[in-house]
Amino acid sequence: MKKVERINIIMRYINNRAHFTISEIMKEFNISRSTAIRDIKEIEAMGMPLIAEVGRDGGYFVMNNSVLPNVRFTDNEIKALFIAFMATRNQQLPYLKSRQSLAEKLLGLLSENQQETLVLLNQILLFEGTNPNNPDLLDLSDLPHPMLEKLFQIILLDRYLLITIQEEKVFKSYPIFLLHLYREKSLWLIEGFDLKEEKKQIFPVDKLTDVEPYQPKNRLSMKKILEKLGKQEEEINLVLELGPKAIAQFKKYHPFKVSISYTNPYQTTAILKTYINVNMPEDLAEITNWLLFLGGDIKVREVPEEVLQSLKERVCLFFP
């Protein structure tokens, strides 16, 4: 029996008795004295007020009306909770270990029929990103980057950070004000205002090697930061003219949040204008693949040098 499951059962055992002893717990659950004492201390720490009785045969009393009120779930609420857990498997979420223990506690409170229903759902439902060969809800199969939880702990206290990023074999530090922490295309990304360069930058959490609170002598206020960002609209650095074949390819697939503007009434020609973050290797590789996917029915008006170089390297692979 797992520890979390055992503690849940002990809690229910205690809740049904006005008085109990360590010896009773040892005998009932076939555990050692030290394990029983540790479990009781954990139960006390979880908020169940117990009064210790001093003496040779002393035990514990449960204070009347002191246990937290029962929380009752409908069958549909239980399914909603566990489907939410299932849908976020293999997403490298923070606090994944805590979510596992939470799921175990919830399972321990359910009837056998309810547990069987959830087991069946777990076998049937597969969401995007779930490994079909290892879909166990309680299995920690995709732990997040080790710096992610540390990052969460710090940003809840202070959004002024000094982050260290590994760029190839070089480590660079950036003082930033964190704007957003988000997940996109299976990557956790830090969107921050670079306090030194005074511009918005995006950093992948996978390349994060250290993070700590940043204490500049003269902090730039959040209001000032947002004002500066408002004046620094991202400059368009990719402009394409699309013919009918390229438009058809665009409709099949476009990885970025961009749209095209048709330049004639018959919608056979169009223009695309957008900003590409060339500092993100994943974005650079994706835009290269996408431009090749669009085919030869395009004219390039403007393109970042990094994208052009990436295209040349890709073409050289075909013609060494």
C-alpha atoms as a PDB file:
ATOM      1  CA  MET A   1       0.000   0.000   0.000  1.00  0.00           C
ATOM      2  CA  LYS A   2       1.351   3.399  -0.958  1.00  0.00           C
ATOM      3  CA  LYS A   3       2.014   5.929   1.782  1.00  0.00           C
ATOM      4  CA  VAL A   4      -0.545   8.460   0.522  1.00  0.00           C
ATOM      5  CA  GLU A   5      -3.225   5.772   0.298  1.00  0.00           C
ATOM      6  CA  ARG A   6      -2.370   4.506   3.801  1.00  0.00           C
ATOM      7  CA  ILE A   7      -2.586   7.986   5.337  1.00  0.00           C
ATOM      8  CA  ASN A   8      -5.974   8.560   3.699  1.00  0.00           C
ATOM      9  CA  ILE A   9      -7.294   5.289   5.163  1.00  0.00           C
ATOM     10  CA  ILE A  10      -5.830   6.097   8.587  1.00  0.00           C
ATOM     11  CA  MET A  11      -7.587   9.477   8.495  1.00  0.00           C
ATOM     12  CA  ARG A  12     -10.919   7.796   7.842  1.00  0.00           C
ATOM     13  CA  TYR A  13     -10.156   5.249  10.582  1.00  0.00           C
ATOM     14  CA  ILE A  14      -9.383   8.041  13.067  1.00  0.00           C
ATOM     15  CA  ASN A  15     -12.394  10.088  12.047  1.00  0.00           C
ATOM     16  CA  ASN A  16     -14.714   7.229  13.028  1.00  0.00           C
ATOM     17  CA  ARG A  17     -13.279   6.966  16.559  1.00  0.00           C
ATOM     18  CA  ALA A  18     -13.246   9.300  19.524  1.00  0.00           C
ATOM     19  CA  HIS A  19     -10.032   7.756  20.870  1.00  0.00           C
ATOM     20  CA  PHE A  20      -7.201   5.645  19.483  1.00  0.00           C
ATOM     21  CA  THR A  21      -3.660   4.565  20.355  1.00  0.00           C
ATOM     22  CA  ILE A  22      -0.449   4.097  18.386  1.00  0.00           C
ATOM     23  CA  SER A  23      -0.611   0.351  19.149  1.00  0.00           C
ATOM     24  CA  GLU A  24      -4.057   0.160  17.535  1.00  0.00           C
ATOM     25  CA  ILE A  25      -2.782   1.909  14.416  1.00  0.00           C
ATOM     26  CA  MET A  26       0.236  -0.446  14.266  1.00  0.00           C
ATOM     27  CA  LYS A  27      -1.967  -3.521  14.540  1.00  0.00           C
ATOM     28  CA  GLU A  28      -4.709  -2.292  12.177  1.00  0.00           C
ATOM     29  CA  PHE A  29      -2.348  -1.287   9.374  1.00  0.00           C
ATOM     30  CA  ASN A  30       0.528  -3.701  10.059  1.00  0.00           C
ATOM     31  CA  ILE A  31       3.140  -0.954  10.313  1.00  0.00           C
ATOM     32  CA  SER A  32       6.002  -0.217  12.717  1.00  0.00           C
ATOM     33  CA  ARG A  33       5.723   2.136  15.665  1.00  0.00           C
ATOM     34  CA  SER A  34       7.975   4.743  14.036  1.00  0.00           C
ATOM     35  CA  THR A  35       5.905   4.650  10.817  1.00  0.00           C
ATOM     36  CA  ALA A  36       2.667   4.999  12.792  1.00  0.00           C
ATOM     37  CA  ILE A  37       4.019   8.015  14.695  1.00  0.00           C
ATOM     38  CA  ARG A  38       5.232   9.646  11.464  1.00  0.00           C
ATOM     39  CA  ASP A  39       1.849   9.104   9.833  1.00  0.00           C
ATOM     40  CA  ILE A  40      -0.020  10.605  12.806  1.00  0.00           C
ATOM     41  CA  LYS A  41       2.270  13.658  12.742  1.00  0.00           C
ATOM     42  CA  GLU A  42       1.563  14.125   9.013  1.00  0.00           C
ATOM     43  CA  ILE A  43      -2.172  13.852   9.666  1.00  0.00           C
ATOM     44  CA  GLU A  44      -1.893  16.516  12.394  1.00  0.00           C
ATOM     45  CA  ALA A  45       0.058  18.741   9.985  1.00  0.00           C
ATOM     46  CA  MET A  46      -2.753  18.384   7.439  1.00  0.00           C
ATOM     47  CA  GLY A  47      -5.159  20.078   9.858  1.00  0.00           C
ATOM     48  CA  MET A  48      -6.810  17.302  11.879  1.00  0.00           C
ATOM     49  CA  PRO A  49      -6.583  18.520  15.511  1.00  0.00           C
ATOM     50  CA  LEU A  50      -5.629  15.665  17.814  1.00  0.00           C
ATOM     51  CA  ILE A  51      -5.143  15.833  21.590  1.00  0.00           C
ATOM     52  CA  ALA A  52      -2.383  13.575  22.950  1.00  0.00           C
ATOM     53  CA  GLU A  53      -3.179  11.729  26.195  1.00  0.00           C
ATOM     54  CA  VAL A  54      -0.180  11.434  28.492  1.00  0.00           C
ATOM     55  CA  GLY A  55       0.495   8.128  30.266  1.00  0.00           C
ATOM     56  CA  ARG A  56       1.624   4.554  29.758  1.00  0.00           C
ATOM     57  CA  ASP A  57      -1.505   3.600  27.848  1.00  0.00           C
ATOM     58  CA  GLY A  58      -2.035   7.064  26.470  1.00  0.00           C
ATOM     59  CA  GLY A  59      -3.331   7.710  23.016  1.00  0.00           C
ATOM     60  CA  TYR A  60      -5.065  10.430  21.070  1.00  0.00           C
ATOM     61  CA  PHE A  61      -8.473  12.071  21.207  1.00  0.00           C
ATOM     62  CA  VAL A  62     -10.115  13.602  18.155  1.00  0.00           C
ATOM     63  CA  MET A  63     -11.671  16.956  19.062  1.00  0.00           C
ATOM     64  CA  ASN A  64     -15.417  17.049  18.456  1.00  0.00           C
ATOM     65  CA  ASN A  65     -16.528  19.000  15.386  1.00  0.00           C
ATOM     66  CA  SER A  66     -12.897  19.814  14.643  1.00  0.00           C
ATOM     67  CA  VAL A  67     -12.471  17.828  11.446  1.00  0.00           C
ATOM     68  CA  LEU A  68     -12.810  19.799   8.257  1.00  0.00           C
ATOM     69  CA  PRO A  69     -16.279  19.450   6.719  1.00  0.00           C
ATOM     70  CA  ASN A  70     -16.704  16.691   4.158  1.00  0.00           C
ATOM     71  CA  VAL A  71     -16.401  17.725   0.561  1.00  0.00           C
ATOM     72  CA  ARG A  72     -18.780  15.727  -1.597  1.00  0.00           C
ATOM     73  CA  PHE A  73     -18.428  15.434  -5.354  1.00  0.00           C
ATOM     74  CA  THR A  74     -21.039  14.396  -7.878  1.00  0.00           C
ATOM     75  CA  ASP A  75     -20.090  11.692 -10.369  1.00  0.00           C
ATOM     76  CA  ASN A  76     -19.779  14.274 -13.128  1.00  0.00           C
ATOM     77  CA  GLU A  77     -17.569  16.544 -10.966  1.00  0.00           C
ATOM     78  CA  ILE A  78     -15.247  13.601 -10.287  1.00  0.00           C
ATOM     79  CA  LYS A  79     -15.044  12.823 -13.991  1.00  0.00           C
ATOM     80  CA  ALA A  80     -14.365  16.505 -14.767  1.00  0.00           C
ATOM     81  CA  LEU A  81     -11.460  16.595 -12.292  1.00  0.00           C
ATOM     82  CA  PHE A  82      -9.801  13.478 -13.602  1.00  0.00           C
ATOM     83  CA  ILE A  83     -10.359  14.288 -17.261  1.00  0.00           C
ATOM     84  CA  ALA A  84      -8.636  17.630 -16.586  1.00  0.00           C
ATOM     85  CA  PHE A  85      -5.705  15.666 -15.132  1.00  0.00           C
ATOM     86  CA  MET A  86      -5.691  13.289 -18.096  1.00  0.00           C
ATOM     87  CA  ALA A  87      -5.755  16.131 -20.627  1.00  0.00           C
ATOM     88  CA  THR A  88      -2.586  17.647 -19.165  1.00  0.00           C
ATOM     89  CA  ARG A  89      -0.468  14.506 -19.086  1.00  0.00           C
ATOM     90  CA  ASN A  90       2.959  14.765 -20.696  1.00  0.00           C
ATOM     91  CA  GLN A  91       2.743  18.569 -20.680  1.00  0.00           C
ATOM     92  CA  GLN A  92       5.801  19.089 -18.427  1.00  0.00           C
ATOM     93  CA  LEU A  93       3.713  20.981 -15.907  1.00  0.00           C
ATOM     94  CA  PRO A  94       5.146  22.368 -12.672  1.00  0.00           C
ATOM     95  CA  TYR A  95       4.151  20.783  -9.358  1.00  0.00           C
ATOM     96  CA  LEU A  96       3.622  17.477 -11.143  1.00  0.00           C
ATOM     97  CA  LYS A  97       4.531  15.467  -8.030  1.00  0.00           C
ATOM     98  CA  SER A  98       1.948  17.395  -6.013  1.00  0.00           C
ATOM     99  CA  ARG A  99      -0.641  16.706  -8.685  1.00  0.00           C
ATOM    100  CA  GLN A 100       0.173  13.003  -8.450  1.00  0.00           C
ATOM    101  CA  SER A 101      -0.371  12.959  -4.673  1.00  0.00           C
ATOM    102  CA  LEU A 102      -3.588  14.948  -5.125  1.00  0.00           C
ATOM    103  CA  ALA A 103      -4.874  12.371  -7.606  1.00  0.00           C
ATOM    104  CA  GLU A 104      -3.985   9.564  -5.193  1.00  0.00           C
ATOM    105  CA  LYS A 105      -5.858  11.296  -2.365  1.00  0.00           C
ATOM    106  CA  LEU A 106      -8.924  11.805  -4.527  1.00  0.00           C
ATOM    107  CA  LEU A 107      -8.872   8.174  -5.610  1.00  0.00           C
ATOM    108  CA  GLY A 108      -8.650   7.117  -1.972  1.00  0.00           C
ATOM    109  CA  LEU A 109     -11.882   8.965  -1.182  1.00  0.00           C
ATOM    110  CA  LEU A 110     -13.918   7.350  -3.954  1.00  0.00           C
ATOM    111  CA  SER A 111     -16.047   4.241  -3.932  1.00  0.00           C
ATOM    112  CA  GLU A 112     -14.912   1.150  -5.856  1.00  0.00           C
ATOM    113  CA  ASN A 113     -17.513   1.781  -8.559  1.00  0.00           C
ATOM    114  CA  GLN A 114     -16.300   5.365  -9.047  1.00  0.00           C
ATOM    115  CA  GLN A 115     -12.684   4.188  -9.174  1.00  0.00           C
ATOM    116  CA  GLU A 116     -13.550   1.582 -11.819  1.00  0.00           C
ATOM    117  CA  THR A 117     -15.235   4.284 -13.928  1.00  0.00           C
ATOM    118  CA  LEU A 118     -12.092   6.444 -13.797  1.00  0.00           C
ATOM    119  CA  VAL A 119      -9.858   3.476 -14.639  1.00  0.00           C
ATOM    120  CA  LEU A 120     -12.033   2.825 -17.692  1.00  0.00           C
ATOM    121  CA  LEU A 121     -11.858   6.488 -18.743  1.00  0.00           C
ATOM    122  CA  ASN A 122      -8.100   6.361 -18.294  1.00  0.00           C
ATOM    123  CA  GLN A 123      -7.915   3.406 -20.684  1.00  0.00           C
ATOM    124  CA  ILE A 124     -10.213   4.896 -23.319  1.00  0.00           C
ATOM    125  CA  LEU A 125      -9.291   8.590 -23.467  1.00  0.00           C
ATOM    126  CA  LEU A 126      -6.126   9.745 -25.207  1.00  0.00           C
ATOM    127  CA  PHE A 127      -5.328  13.426 -25.594  1.00  0.00           C
ATOM    128  CA  GLU A 128      -2.765  15.191 -27.737  1.00  0.00           C
ATOM    129  CA  GLY A 129       0.692  14.672 -26.296  1.00  0.00           C
ATOM    130  CA  THR A 130      -0.253  11.521 -24.371  1.00  0.00           C
ATOM    131  CA  ASN A 131       2.032   8.560 -24.809  1.00  0.00           C
ATOM    132  CA  PRO A 132      -0.388   5.708 -25.699  1.00  0.00           C
ATOM    133  CA  ASN A 133       2.150   3.143 -24.476  1.00  0.00           C
ATOM    134  CA  ASN A 134       2.317   4.735 -21.045  1.00  0.00           C
ATOM    135  CA  PRO A 135      -0.931   6.588 -20.324  1.00  0.00           C
ATOM    136  CA  ASP A 136      -1.049   5.956 -16.561  1.00  0.00           C
ATOM    137  CA  LEU A 137      -2.501   9.017 -14.860  1.00  0.00           C
ATOM    138  CA  LEU A 138      -0.420   8.502 -11.720  1.00  0.00           C
ATOM    139  CA  ASP A 139       2.851   7.860 -13.525  1.00  0.00           C
ATOM    140  CA  LEU A 140       5.315  10.768 -13.601  1.00  0.00           C
ATOM    141  CA  SER A 141       6.418  10.114 -17.161  1.00  0.00           C
ATOM    142  CA  ASP A 142       7.256  13.652 -18.231  1.00  0.00           C
ATOM    143  CA  LEU A 143       8.754  15.742 -15.466  1.00  0.00           C
ATOM    144  CA  PRO A 144       9.299  19.417 -16.340  1.00  0.00           C
ATOM    145  CA  HIS A 145      12.643  21.163 -16.593  1.00  0.00           C
ATOM    146  CA  PRO A 146      14.144  21.226 -13.067  1.00  0.00           C
ATOM    147  CA  MET A 147      14.367  25.048 -13.115  1.00  0.00           C
ATOM    148  CA  LEU A 148      10.645  25.508 -13.801  1.00  0.00           C
ATOM    149  CA  GLU A 149       9.385  25.064 -10.242  1.00  0.00           C
ATOM    150  CA  LYS A 150      12.205  27.250  -8.886  1.00  0.00           C
ATOM    151  CA  LEU A 151      11.141  29.901 -11.387  1.00  0.00           C
ATOM    152  CA  PHE A 152       7.535  29.655 -10.177  1.00  0.00           C
ATOM    153  CA  GLN A 153       8.571  30.012  -6.547  1.00  0.00           C
ATOM    154  CA  ILE A 154      10.573  33.171  -7.258  1.00  0.00           C
ATOM    155  CA  ILE A 155       8.119  34.943  -9.577  1.00  0.00           C
ATOM    156  CA  LEU A 156       5.328  34.608  -7.008  1.00  0.00           C
ATOM    157  CA  LEU A 157       7.460  36.839  -4.769  1.00  0.00           C
ATOM    158  CA  ASP A 158       9.197  39.099  -7.274  1.00  0.00           C
ATOM    159  CA  ARG A 159       9.027  39.524 -11.059  1.00  0.00           C
ATOM    160  CA  TYR A 160      12.405  41.295 -11.309  1.00  0.00           C
ATOM    161  CA  LEU A 161      14.768  38.442 -12.174  1.00  0.00           C
ATOM    162  CA  LEU A 162      18.352  37.767 -13.096  1.00  0.00           C
ATOM    163  CA  ILE A 163      18.293  34.760 -15.396  1.00  0.00           C
ATOM    164  CA  THR A 164      21.250  32.854 -16.810  1.00  0.00           C
ATOM    165  CA  ILE A 165      20.831  31.240 -20.216  1.00  0.00           C
ATOM    166  CA  GLN A 166      23.136  28.763 -21.921  1.00  0.00           C
ATOM    167  CA  GLU A 167      23.705  29.808 -25.514  1.00  0.00           C
ATOM    168  CA  GLU A 168      25.775  27.070 -27.160  1.00  0.00           C
ATOM    169  CA  LYS A 169      28.777  26.847 -24.790  1.00  0.00           C
ATOM    170  CA  VAL A 170      28.446  30.378 -23.426  1.00  0.00           C
ATOM    171  CA  PHE A 171      26.446  31.391 -20.349  1.00  0.00           C
ATOM    172  CA  LYS A 172      24.795  34.814 -20.485  1.00  0.00           C
ATOM    173  CA  SER A 173      22.895  36.627 -17.741  1.00  0.00           C
ATOM    174  CA  TYR A 174      19.945  38.926 -18.379  1.00  0.00           C
ATOM    175  CA  PRO A 175      18.229  41.228 -15.868  1.00  0.00           C
ATOM    176  CA  ILE A 176      14.544  41.128 -16.796  1.00  0.00           C
ATOM    177  CA  PHE A 177      11.080  42.027 -15.610  1.00  0.00           C
ATOM    178  CA  LEU A 178       8.941  38.963 -16.234  1.00  0.00           C
ATOM    179  CA  LEU A 179       5.907  39.706 -18.381  1.00  0.00           C
ATOM    180  CA  HIS A 180       4.597  36.200 -19.003  1.00  0.00           C
ATOM    181  CA  LEU A 181       5.555  32.584 -18.524  1.00  0.00           C
ATOM    182  CA  TYR A 182       3.789  30.418 -21.073  1.00  0.00           C
ATOM    183  CA  ARG A 183       3.894  27.131 -22.934  1.00  0.00           C
ATOM    184  CA  GLU A 184       3.903  26.999 -26.733  1.00  0.00           C
ATOM    185  CA  LYS A 185       4.761  24.190 -29.140  1.00  0.00           C
ATOM    186  CA  SER A 186       5.742  21.890 -26.245  1.00  0.00           C
ATOM    187  CA  LEU A 187       8.166  24.491 -24.844  1.00  0.00           C
ATOM    188  CA  TRP A 188       7.997  26.658 -21.725  1.00  0.00           C
ATOM    189  CA  LEU A 189       8.994  30.231 -22.612  1.00  0.00           C
ATOM    190  CA  ILE A 190       9.874  33.304 -20.555  1.00  0.00           C
ATOM    191  CA  GLU A 191       8.673  36.569 -22.018  1.00  0.00           C
ATOM    192  CA  GLY A 192      10.506  39.366 -20.264  1.00  0.00           C
ATOM    193  CA  PHE A 193      11.463  43.017 -20.570  1.00  0.00           C
ATOM    194  CA  ASP A 194      15.256  43.213 -20.735  1.00  0.00           C
ATOM    195  CA  LEU A 195      16.086  45.925 -18.187  1.00  0.00           C
ATOM    196  CA  LYS A 196      19.486  46.586 -19.767  1.00  0.00           C
ATOM    197  CA  GLU A 197      18.519  46.630 -23.445  1.00  0.00           C
ATOM    198  CA  GLU A 198      15.034  48.004 -22.633  1.00  0.00           C
ATOM    199  CA  LYS A 199      13.239  45.704 -25.036  1.00  0.00           C
ATOM    200  CA  LYS A 200      11.083  42.567 -24.924  1.00  0.00           C
ATOM    201  CA  GLN A 201      12.869  39.249 -25.246  1.00  0.00           C
ATOM    202  CA  ILE A 202      11.809  35.596 -25.180  1.00  0.00           C
ATOM    203  CA  PHE A 203      13.921  32.896 -23.519  1.00  0.00           C
ATOM    204  CA  PRO A 204      13.312  29.112 -23.531  1.00  0.00           C
ATOM    205  CA  VAL A 205      13.145  27.631 -20.025  1.00  0.00           C
ATOM    206  CA  ASP A 206      15.040  24.558 -21.305  1.00  0.00           C
ATOM    207  CA  LYS A 207      18.156  26.744 -21.657  1.00  0.00           C
ATOM    208  CA  LEU A 208      17.769  28.276 -18.204  1.00  0.00           C
ATOM    209  CA  THR A 209      20.657  27.369 -15.884  1.00  0.00           C
ATOM    210  CA  ASP A 210      19.981  29.750 -13.000  1.00  0.00           C
ATOM    211  CA  VAL A 211      17.425  32.265 -11.793  1.00  0.00           C
ATOM    212  CA  GLU A 212      17.423  34.582  -8.800  1.00  0.00           C
ATOM    213  CA  PRO A 213      15.672  37.778  -7.726  1.00  0.00           C
ATOM    214  CA  TYR A 214      17.209  40.890  -9.260  1.00  0.00           C
ATOM    215  CA  GLN A 215      17.579  43.918  -7.040  1.00  0.00           C
ATOM    216  CA  PRO A 216      18.543  46.933  -9.154  1.00  0.00           C
ATOM    217  CA  LYS A 217      19.275  50.129  -7.268  1.00  0.00           C
ATOM    218  CA  ASN A 218      16.727  52.099  -9.226  1.00  0.00           C
ATOM    219  CA  ARG A 219      13.898  49.878 -10.324  1.00  0.00           C
ATOM    220  CA  LEU A 220      12.035  50.734 -13.487  1.00  0.00           C
ATOM    221  CA  SER A 221       8.392  50.598 -12.459  1.00  0.00           C
ATOM    222  CA  MET A 222       5.954  48.257 -14.153  1.00  0.00           C
ATOM    223  CA  LYS A 223       4.040  51.279 -15.442  1.00  0.00           C
ATOM    224  CA  LYS A 224       7.185  52.657 -17.132  1.00  0.00           C
ATOM    225  CA  ILE A 225       8.005  49.237 -18.569  1.00  0.00           C
ATOM    226  CA  LEU A 226       4.552  48.917 -20.137  1.00  0.00           C
ATOM    227  CA  GLU A 227       4.809  52.451 -21.526  1.00  0.00           C
ATOM    228  CA  LYS A 228       8.136  51.618 -23.190  1.00  0.00           C
ATOM    229  CA  LEU A 229       6.724  48.390 -24.597  1.00  0.00           C
ATOM    230  CA  GLY A 230       3.741  50.264 -26.001  1.00  0.00           C
ATOM    231  CA  LYS A 231       6.094  52.488 -27.981  1.00  0.00           C
ATOM    232  CA  GLN A 232       8.183  49.554 -29.226  1.00  0.00           C
ATOM    233  CA  GLU A 233       5.861  47.721 -31.564  1.00  0.00           C
ATOM    234  CA  GLU A 234       7.557  44.735 -33.140  1.00  0.00           C
ATOM    235  CA  GLU A 235       8.980  45.742 -36.484  1.00  0.00           C
ATOM    236  CA  ILE A 236       7.901  43.731 -39.495  1.00  0.00           C
ATOM    237  CA  ASN A 237      10.927  41.843 -40.794  1.00  0.00           C
ATOM    238  CA  LEU A 238       9.340  39.327 -43.180  1.00  0.00           C
ATOM    239  CA  VAL A 239       7.365  40.448 -46.242  1.00  0.00           C
ATOM    240  CA  LEU A 240       6.258  37.956 -48.913  1.00  0.00           C
ATOM    241  CA  GLU A 241       4.224  38.202 -52.102  1.00  0.00           C
ATOM    242  CA  LEU A 242       2.187  35.045 -52.651  1.00  0.00           C
ATOM    243  CA  GLY A 243       0.875  33.684 -55.934  1.00  0.00           C
ATOM    244  CA  PRO A 244      -2.103  31.298 -56.256  1.00  0.00           C
ATOM    245  CA  LYS A 245      -0.086  28.125 -55.538  1.00  0.00           C
ATOM    246  CA  ALA A 246       1.557  29.682 -52.466  1.00  0.00           C
ATOM    247  CA  ILE A 247      -1.874  30.899 -51.244  1.00  0.00           C
ATOM    248  CA  ALA A 248      -3.196  27.332 -51.534  1.00  0.00           C
ATOM    249  CA  GLN A 249      -0.215  26.082 -49.508  1.00  0.00           C
ATOM    250  CA  PHE A 250      -0.735  28.844 -46.944  1.00  0.00           C
ATOM    251  CA  LYS A 251      -4.345  27.720 -46.444  1.00  0.00           C
ATOM    252  CA  LYS A 252      -3.161  24.166 -45.830  1.00  0.00           C
ATOM    253  CA  TYR A 253      -0.701  25.145 -43.124  1.00  0.00           C
ATOM    254  CA  HIS A 254       0.687  28.266 -41.459  1.00  0.00           C
ATOM    255  CA  PRO A 255       2.463  27.782 -38.127  1.00  0.00           C
ATOM    256  CA  PHE A 256       2.486  31.403 -37.013  1.00  0.00           C
ATOM    257  CA  LYS A 257      -0.387  33.664 -36.051  1.00  0.00           C
ATOM    258  CA  VAL A 258      -0.309  35.574 -39.310  1.00  0.00           C
ATOM    259  CA  SER A 259      -2.821  36.421 -41.993  1.00  0.00           C
ATOM    260  CA  ILE A 260      -2.502  37.399 -45.613  1.00  0.00           C
ATOM    261  CA  SER A 261      -3.956  40.411 -47.411  1.00  0.00           C
ATOM    262  CA  TYR A 262      -5.288  39.766 -50.908  1.00  0.00           C
ATOM    263  CA  THR A 263      -4.051  42.227 -53.493  1.00  0.00           C
ATOM    264  CA  ASN A 264      -6.611  41.624 -56.252  1.00  0.00           C
ATOM    265  CA  PRO A 265     -10.375  40.997 -56.371  1.00  0.00           C
ATOM    266  CA  TYR A 266      -9.920  37.402 -57.518  1.00  0.00           C
ATOM    267  CA  GLN A 267      -7.822  36.512 -54.446  1.00  0.00           C
ATOM    268  CA  THR A 268      -5.080  35.035 -56.602  1.00  0.00           C
ATOM    269  CA  THR A 269      -2.297  37.205 -55.201  1.00  0.00           C
ATOM    270  CA  ALA A 270      -1.645  38.245 -51.642  1.00  0.00           C
ATOM    271  CA  ILE A 271       0.936  39.810 -49.373  1.00  0.00           C
ATOM    272  CA  LEU A 272       2.123  38.527 -46.000  1.00  0.00           C
ATOM    273  CA  LYS A 273       3.760  40.751 -43.387  1.00  0.00           C
ATOM    274  CA  THR A 274       4.932  39.540 -39.999  1.00  0.00           C
ATOM    275  CA  TYR A 275       7.686  39.594 -37.383  1.00  0.00           C
ATOM    276  CA  ILE A 276       9.988  36.603 -36.909  1.00  0.00           C
ATOM    277  CA  ASN A 277      11.975  36.173 -33.698  1.00  0.00           C
ATOM    278  CA  VAL A 278      15.271  34.948 -35.120  1.00  0.00           C
ATOM    279  CA  ASN A 279      16.727  34.501 -31.614  1.00  0.00           C
ATOM    280  CA  MET A 280      14.565  31.412 -31.106  1.00  0.00           C
ATOM    281  CA  PRO A 281      16.244  28.459 -32.892  1.00  0.00           C
ATOM    282  CA  GLU A 282      12.943  26.542 -32.959  1.00  0.00           C
ATOM    283  CA  ASP A 283      11.138  29.445 -34.680  1.00  0.00           C
ATOM    284  CA  LEU A 284      14.001  29.885 -37.119  1.00  0.00           C
ATOM    285  CA  ALA A 285      13.899  26.215 -38.104  1.00  0.00           C
ATOM    286  CA  GLU A 286      10.125  26.274 -38.416  1.00  0.00           C
ATOM    287  CA  ILE A 287       9.991  29.384 -40.622  1.00  0.00           C
ATOM    288  CA  THR A 288      12.688  27.843 -42.847  1.00  0.00           C
ATOM    289  CA  ASN A 289      10.659  24.656 -43.271  1.00  0.00           C
ATOM    290  CA  TRP A 290       7.502  26.666 -43.889  1.00  0.00           C
ATOM    291  CA  LEU A 291       9.037  28.884 -46.587  1.00  0.00           C
ATOM    292  CA  LEU A 292      10.188  25.753 -48.403  1.00  0.00           C
ATOM    293  CA  PHE A 293       6.683  24.330 -47.958  1.00  0.00           C
ATOM    294  CA  LEU A 294       5.134  27.390 -49.618  1.00  0.00           C
ATOM    295  CA  GLY A 295       7.109  26.543 -52.763  1.00  0.00           C
ATOM    296  CA  GLY A 296       8.417  28.682 -55.585  1.00  0.00           C
ATOM    297  CA  ASP A 297       5.289  30.769 -56.068  1.00  0.00           C
ATOM    298  CA  ILE A 298       6.496  33.505 -53.706  1.00  0.00           C
ATOM    299  CA  LYS A 299       8.529  36.687 -54.014  1.00  0.00           C
ATOM    300  CA  VAL A 300      10.551  37.796 -51.028  1.00  0.00           C
ATOM    301  CA  ARG A 301      10.435  41.537 -50.398  1.00  0.00           C
ATOM    302  CA  GLU A 302      12.080  41.472 -46.997  1.00  0.00           C
ATOM    303  CA  VAL A 303      13.597  38.671 -44.922  1.00  0.00           C
ATOM    304  CA  PRO A 304      15.965  38.562 -41.905  1.00  0.00           C
ATOM    305  CA  GLU A 305      19.526  37.610 -42.744  1.00  0.00           C
ATOM    306  CA  GLU A 306      19.338  34.696 -40.301  1.00  0.00           C
ATOM    307  CA  VAL A 307      16.376  33.203 -42.191  1.00  0.00           C
ATOM    308  CA  LEU A 308      18.164  33.645 -45.511  1.00  0.00           C
ATOM    309  CA  GLN A 309      21.259  31.895 -44.167  1.00  0.00           C
ATOM    310  CA  SER A 310      19.129  29.050 -42.796  1.00  0.00           C
ATOM    311  CA  LEU A 311      17.489  28.613 -46.219  1.00  0.00           C
ATOM    312  CA  LYS A 312      20.889  28.501 -47.921  1.00  0.00           C
ATOM    313  CA  GLU A 313      22.138  25.841 -45.483  1.00  0.00           C
ATOM    314  CA  ARG A 314      19.009  23.775 -46.052  1.00  0.00           C
ATOM    315  CA  VAL A 315      19.347  23.963 -49.848  1.00  0.00           C
ATOM    316  CA  CYS A 316      23.042  23.002 -49.614  1.00  0.00           C
ATOM    317  CA  LEU A 317      21.977  19.740 -47.982  1.00  0.00           C
ATOM    318  CA  PHE A 318      20.291  18.761 -51.244  1.00  0.00           C
ATOM    319  CA  PHE A 319      23.169  19.925 -53.435  1.00  0.00           C
ATOM    320  CA  PRO A 320      26.416  19.244 -51.516  1.00  0.00           C
END
